[in-house]
Amino acid sequence: VGGLLAKVNPHSADHGCLSFTWHQEKNNITLVTEIAGNYQPALAGSRIPVPYWRNMLYSSTQRLLHEYVMWRFHGSVLKEFEKQCLNNP
């Protein structure tokens, strides 16, 4: 995982990865996206715990963009999944 605003540690090969998993319960199917590994948004900083003002800055900017992009991506994947299911009953 990378990006313009991702904080990259040059001493580590692990920059994180995205994991996509399908979960099914009865008639409900859900696509779950997780960030695994060492991903850290640059706006959040490197201190643990993340300072309040950095957390608020991230939550009101970059997080909203990520949510929107993933919402659109999940919708696109779901449409393709439904199309495949209808063509192959």
N, C-alpha and C. Protein backbone atom coordinates (compact mmCIF):
# COMPACT_ATOMS: atom_id res chain seq x y z
N VAL A 1 0.87 -1.16 0.00
CA VAL A 1 0.00 0.00 0.00
C VAL A 1 0.90 1.21 0.00
N GLY A 2 0.59 2.13 -0.82
CA GLY A 2 1.38 3.35 -0.88
C GLY A 2 0.47 4.51 -1.19
N GLY A 3 1.00 5.50 -1.78
CA GLY A 3 0.18 6.65 -2.16
C GLY A 3 0.92 7.93 -1.86
N LEU A 4 0.35 9.00 -2.36
CA LEU A 4 0.95 10.31 -2.23
C LEU A 4 1.13 10.70 -0.76
N LEU A 5 0.16 10.36 0.09
CA LEU A 5 0.21 10.77 1.48
C LEU A 5 0.55 9.62 2.43
N ALA A 6 1.14 8.56 1.91
CA ALA A 6 1.53 7.44 2.78
C ALA A 6 2.93 7.69 3.32
N LYS A 7 3.10 7.37 4.58
CA LYS A 7 4.42 7.51 5.19
C LYS A 7 5.17 6.21 4.94
N VAL A 8 6.30 6.29 4.23
CA VAL A 8 7.06 5.11 3.87
C VAL A 8 8.33 5.05 4.70
N ASN A 9 8.56 3.91 5.33
CA ASN A 9 9.77 3.69 6.11
C ASN A 9 10.81 3.06 5.18
N PRO A 10 11.89 3.79 4.85
CA PRO A 10 12.89 3.26 3.92
C PRO A 10 13.66 2.05 4.47
N HIS A 11 13.57 1.83 5.78
CA HIS A 11 14.29 0.71 6.40
C HIS A 11 13.45 -0.55 6.50
N SER A 12 12.23 -0.51 5.99
CA SER A 12 11.34 -1.67 6.07
C SER A 12 10.77 -1.98 4.69
N ALA A 13 10.74 -3.25 4.34
CA ALA A 13 10.16 -3.67 3.06
C ALA A 13 8.64 -3.79 3.18
N ASP A 14 8.11 -3.79 4.40
CA ASP A 14 6.68 -3.95 4.62
C ASP A 14 6.01 -2.58 4.67
N HIS A 15 5.31 -2.23 3.59
CA HIS A 15 4.58 -0.98 3.53
C HIS A 15 3.09 -1.22 3.68
N GLY A 16 2.71 -2.45 4.01
CA GLY A 16 1.30 -2.78 4.17
C GLY A 16 0.71 -3.35 2.90
N CYS A 17 -0.46 -3.93 3.03
CA CYS A 17 -1.17 -4.45 1.86
C CYS A 17 -2.67 -4.40 2.11
N LEU A 18 -3.42 -4.41 1.03
CA LEU A 18 -4.87 -4.46 1.12
C LEU A 18 -5.32 -5.91 1.02
N SER A 19 -6.29 -6.26 1.82
CA SER A 19 -6.85 -7.61 1.81
C SER A 19 -8.35 -7.50 1.54
N PHE A 20 -8.84 -8.26 0.56
CA PHE A 20 -10.26 -8.27 0.22
C PHE A 20 -10.80 -9.66 0.50
N THR A 21 -11.88 -9.73 1.28
CA THR A 21 -12.46 -11.01 1.68
C THR A 21 -13.97 -10.98 1.51
N TRP A 22 -14.51 -12.05 0.94
CA TRP A 22 -15.96 -12.20 0.84
C TRP A 22 -16.46 -12.93 2.08
N HIS A 23 -17.52 -12.42 2.69
CA HIS A 23 -18.17 -13.07 3.82
C HIS A 23 -19.63 -13.31 3.45
N GLN A 24 -20.11 -14.52 3.72
CA GLN A 24 -21.49 -14.84 3.40
C GLN A 24 -22.20 -15.36 4.65
N GLU A 25 -23.34 -14.77 4.93
CA GLU A 25 -24.22 -15.22 6.01
C GLU A 25 -25.62 -15.33 5.42
N LYS A 26 -26.12 -16.55 5.30
CA LYS A 26 -27.43 -16.83 4.69
C LYS A 26 -27.50 -16.18 3.32
N ASN A 27 -28.37 -15.20 3.11
CA ASN A 27 -28.52 -14.56 1.80
C ASN A 27 -27.77 -13.24 1.69
N ASN A 28 -26.92 -12.93 2.65
CA ASN A 28 -26.19 -11.67 2.66
C ASN A 28 -24.71 -11.93 2.37
N ILE A 29 -24.20 -11.27 1.32
CA ILE A 29 -22.78 -11.38 0.96
C ILE A 29 -22.14 -10.01 1.13
N THR A 30 -20.99 -9.97 1.80
CA THR A 30 -20.31 -8.72 2.08
C THR A 30 -18.87 -8.81 1.64
N LEU A 31 -18.36 -7.73 1.03
CA LEU A 31 -16.95 -7.63 0.70
C LEU A 31 -16.29 -6.78 1.78
N VAL A 32 -15.29 -7.35 2.44
CA VAL A 32 -14.59 -6.66 3.52
C VAL A 32 -13.19 -6.30 3.05
N THR A 33 -12.80 -5.05 3.26
CA THR A 33 -11.47 -4.58 2.91
C THR A 33 -10.71 -4.28 4.19
N GLU A 34 -9.48 -4.79 4.29
CA GLU A 34 -8.65 -4.55 5.46
C GLU A 34 -7.27 -4.09 5.02
N ILE A 35 -6.67 -3.25 5.83
CA ILE A 35 -5.28 -2.85 5.62
C ILE A 35 -4.44 -3.64 6.62
N ALA A 36 -3.50 -4.41 6.11
CA ALA A 36 -2.65 -5.24 6.97
C ALA A 36 -1.21 -4.78 6.82
N GLY A 37 -0.43 -5.03 7.83
CA GLY A 37 0.98 -4.72 7.74
C GLY A 37 1.32 -3.37 8.32
N ASN A 38 2.31 -2.73 7.75
CA ASN A 38 2.92 -1.54 8.34
C ASN A 38 2.48 -0.25 7.66
N TYR A 39 1.25 -0.15 7.18
CA TYR A 39 0.78 1.08 6.53
C TYR A 39 0.50 2.14 7.57
N GLN A 40 0.93 3.36 7.27
CA GLN A 40 0.66 4.47 8.17
C GLN A 40 0.44 5.73 7.33
N PRO A 41 -0.74 6.36 7.44
CA PRO A 41 -0.97 7.59 6.71
C PRO A 41 -0.03 8.69 7.21
N ALA A 42 0.54 9.44 6.29
CA ALA A 42 1.50 10.48 6.67
C ALA A 42 0.86 11.55 7.55
N LEU A 43 -0.41 11.85 7.31
CA LEU A 43 -1.07 12.87 8.11
C LEU A 43 -1.20 12.48 9.57
N ALA A 44 -1.21 11.18 9.86
CA ALA A 44 -1.34 10.72 11.24
C ALA A 44 -0.02 10.84 12.00
N GLY A 45 1.09 10.90 11.30
CA GLY A 45 2.39 11.04 11.96
C GLY A 45 2.93 9.70 12.43
N SER A 46 4.08 9.73 13.07
CA SER A 46 4.74 8.49 13.48
C SER A 46 4.67 8.23 14.98
N ARG A 47 4.23 9.21 15.76
CA ARG A 47 4.14 9.01 17.21
C ARG A 47 2.95 8.14 17.57
N ILE A 48 3.14 7.28 18.55
CA ILE A 48 2.05 6.46 19.08
C ILE A 48 1.88 6.86 20.54
N PRO A 49 0.76 7.24 21.03
CA PRO A 49 -0.48 7.41 20.29
C PRO A 49 -0.43 8.65 19.39
N VAL A 50 -1.25 8.62 18.36
CA VAL A 50 -1.30 9.72 17.40
C VAL A 50 -1.87 10.96 18.09
N PRO A 51 -1.20 12.11 17.95
CA PRO A 51 -1.71 13.33 18.58
C PRO A 51 -3.13 13.66 18.11
N TYR A 52 -3.92 14.23 19.00
CA TYR A 52 -5.33 14.52 18.72
C TYR A 52 -5.50 15.34 17.45
N TRP A 53 -4.72 16.42 17.28
CA TRP A 53 -4.90 17.30 16.13
C TRP A 53 -4.56 16.58 14.82
N ARG A 54 -3.57 15.68 14.84
CA ARG A 54 -3.25 14.92 13.62
C ARG A 54 -4.36 13.93 13.30
N ASN A 55 -4.90 13.31 14.31
CA ASN A 55 -6.00 12.37 14.12
C ASN A 55 -7.21 13.09 13.52
N MET A 56 -7.51 14.26 14.04
CA MET A 56 -8.65 15.04 13.51
C MET A 56 -8.39 15.50 12.07
N LEU A 57 -7.15 15.90 11.78
CA LEU A 57 -6.80 16.31 10.42
C LEU A 57 -6.98 15.15 9.45
N TYR A 58 -6.46 13.98 9.83
CA TYR A 58 -6.62 12.79 8.98
C TYR A 58 -8.09 12.43 8.84
N SER A 59 -8.82 12.42 9.94
CA SER A 59 -10.22 12.00 9.92
C SER A 59 -11.10 12.93 9.08
N SER A 60 -10.72 14.19 8.98
CA SER A 60 -11.55 15.13 8.23
C SER A 60 -11.08 15.32 6.79
N THR A 61 -10.00 14.67 6.38
CA THR A 61 -9.52 14.85 5.00
C THR A 61 -9.29 13.50 4.32
N GLN A 62 -8.12 12.93 4.55
CA GLN A 62 -7.68 11.73 3.85
C GLN A 62 -8.61 10.54 4.09
N ARG A 63 -9.11 10.37 5.31
CA ARG A 63 -10.00 9.25 5.63
C ARG A 63 -11.28 9.33 4.81
N LEU A 64 -11.82 10.54 4.65
CA LEU A 64 -13.06 10.71 3.89
C LEU A 64 -12.84 10.34 2.42
N LEU A 65 -11.71 10.73 1.87
CA LEU A 65 -11.40 10.37 0.49
C LEU A 65 -11.26 8.85 0.36
N HIS A 66 -10.56 8.21 1.30
CA HIS A 66 -10.41 6.76 1.26
C HIS A 66 -11.77 6.06 1.36
N GLU A 67 -12.64 6.55 2.23
CA GLU A 67 -13.97 5.94 2.37
C GLU A 67 -14.74 6.04 1.06
N TYR A 68 -14.70 7.21 0.41
CA TYR A 68 -15.42 7.40 -0.84
C TYR A 68 -14.88 6.47 -1.94
N VAL A 69 -13.57 6.41 -2.06
CA VAL A 69 -12.96 5.56 -3.09
C VAL A 69 -13.32 4.10 -2.86
N MET A 70 -13.25 3.63 -1.61
CA MET A 70 -13.57 2.23 -1.32
C MET A 70 -15.06 1.95 -1.49
N TRP A 71 -15.92 2.91 -1.17
CA TRP A 71 -17.36 2.78 -1.39
C TRP A 71 -17.64 2.57 -2.88
N ARG A 72 -17.01 3.38 -3.72
CA ARG A 72 -17.17 3.24 -5.18
C ARG A 72 -16.61 1.90 -5.66
N PHE A 73 -15.45 1.50 -5.15
CA PHE A 73 -14.83 0.25 -5.54
C PHE A 73 -15.71 -0.93 -5.15
N HIS A 74 -16.21 -0.94 -3.93
CA HIS A 74 -17.08 -2.03 -3.48
C HIS A 74 -18.34 -2.11 -4.34
N GLY A 75 -18.91 -0.96 -4.70
CA GLY A 75 -20.08 -0.94 -5.57
C GLY A 75 -19.78 -1.54 -6.93
N SER A 76 -18.63 -1.20 -7.48
CA SER A 76 -18.22 -1.72 -8.78
C SER A 76 -18.01 -3.23 -8.72
N VAL A 77 -17.35 -3.71 -7.67
CA VAL A 77 -17.11 -5.15 -7.51
C VAL A 77 -18.44 -5.89 -7.33
N LEU A 78 -19.34 -5.31 -6.55
CA LEU A 78 -20.64 -5.94 -6.32
C LEU A 78 -21.43 -6.05 -7.62
N LYS A 79 -21.43 -5.01 -8.43
CA LYS A 79 -22.13 -5.06 -9.73
C LYS A 79 -21.55 -6.17 -10.60
N GLU A 80 -20.23 -6.26 -10.65
CA GLU A 80 -19.58 -7.30 -11.45
C GLU A 80 -19.91 -8.69 -10.90
N PHE A 81 -19.92 -8.83 -9.59
CA PHE A 81 -20.25 -10.10 -8.95
C PHE A 81 -21.69 -10.51 -9.28
N GLU A 82 -22.62 -9.57 -9.18
CA GLU A 82 -24.02 -9.85 -9.50
C GLU A 82 -24.18 -10.23 -10.97
N LYS A 83 -23.46 -9.54 -11.84
CA LYS A 83 -23.51 -9.85 -13.27
C LYS A 83 -23.02 -11.27 -13.53
N GLN A 84 -21.92 -11.65 -12.87
CA GLN A 84 -21.38 -12.99 -13.03
C GLN A 84 -22.36 -14.05 -12.50
N CYS A 85 -23.00 -13.76 -11.39
CA CYS A 85 -23.96 -14.72 -10.80
C CYS A 85 -25.18 -14.89 -11.69
N LEU A 86 -25.64 -13.82 -12.32
CA LEU A 86 -26.81 -13.89 -13.20
C LEU A 86 -26.48 -14.64 -14.49
N ASN A 87 -25.24 -14.51 -14.96
CA ASN A 87 -24.84 -15.20 -16.19
C ASN A 87 -24.50 -16.65 -15.96
N ASN A 88 -24.17 -17.03 -14.73
CA ASN A 88 -23.79 -18.41 -14.40
C ASN A 88 -24.61 -18.89 -13.20
N PRO A 89 -25.90 -19.18 -13.40
CA PRO A 89 -26.74 -19.58 -12.25
C PRO A 89 -26.36 -20.93 -11.69
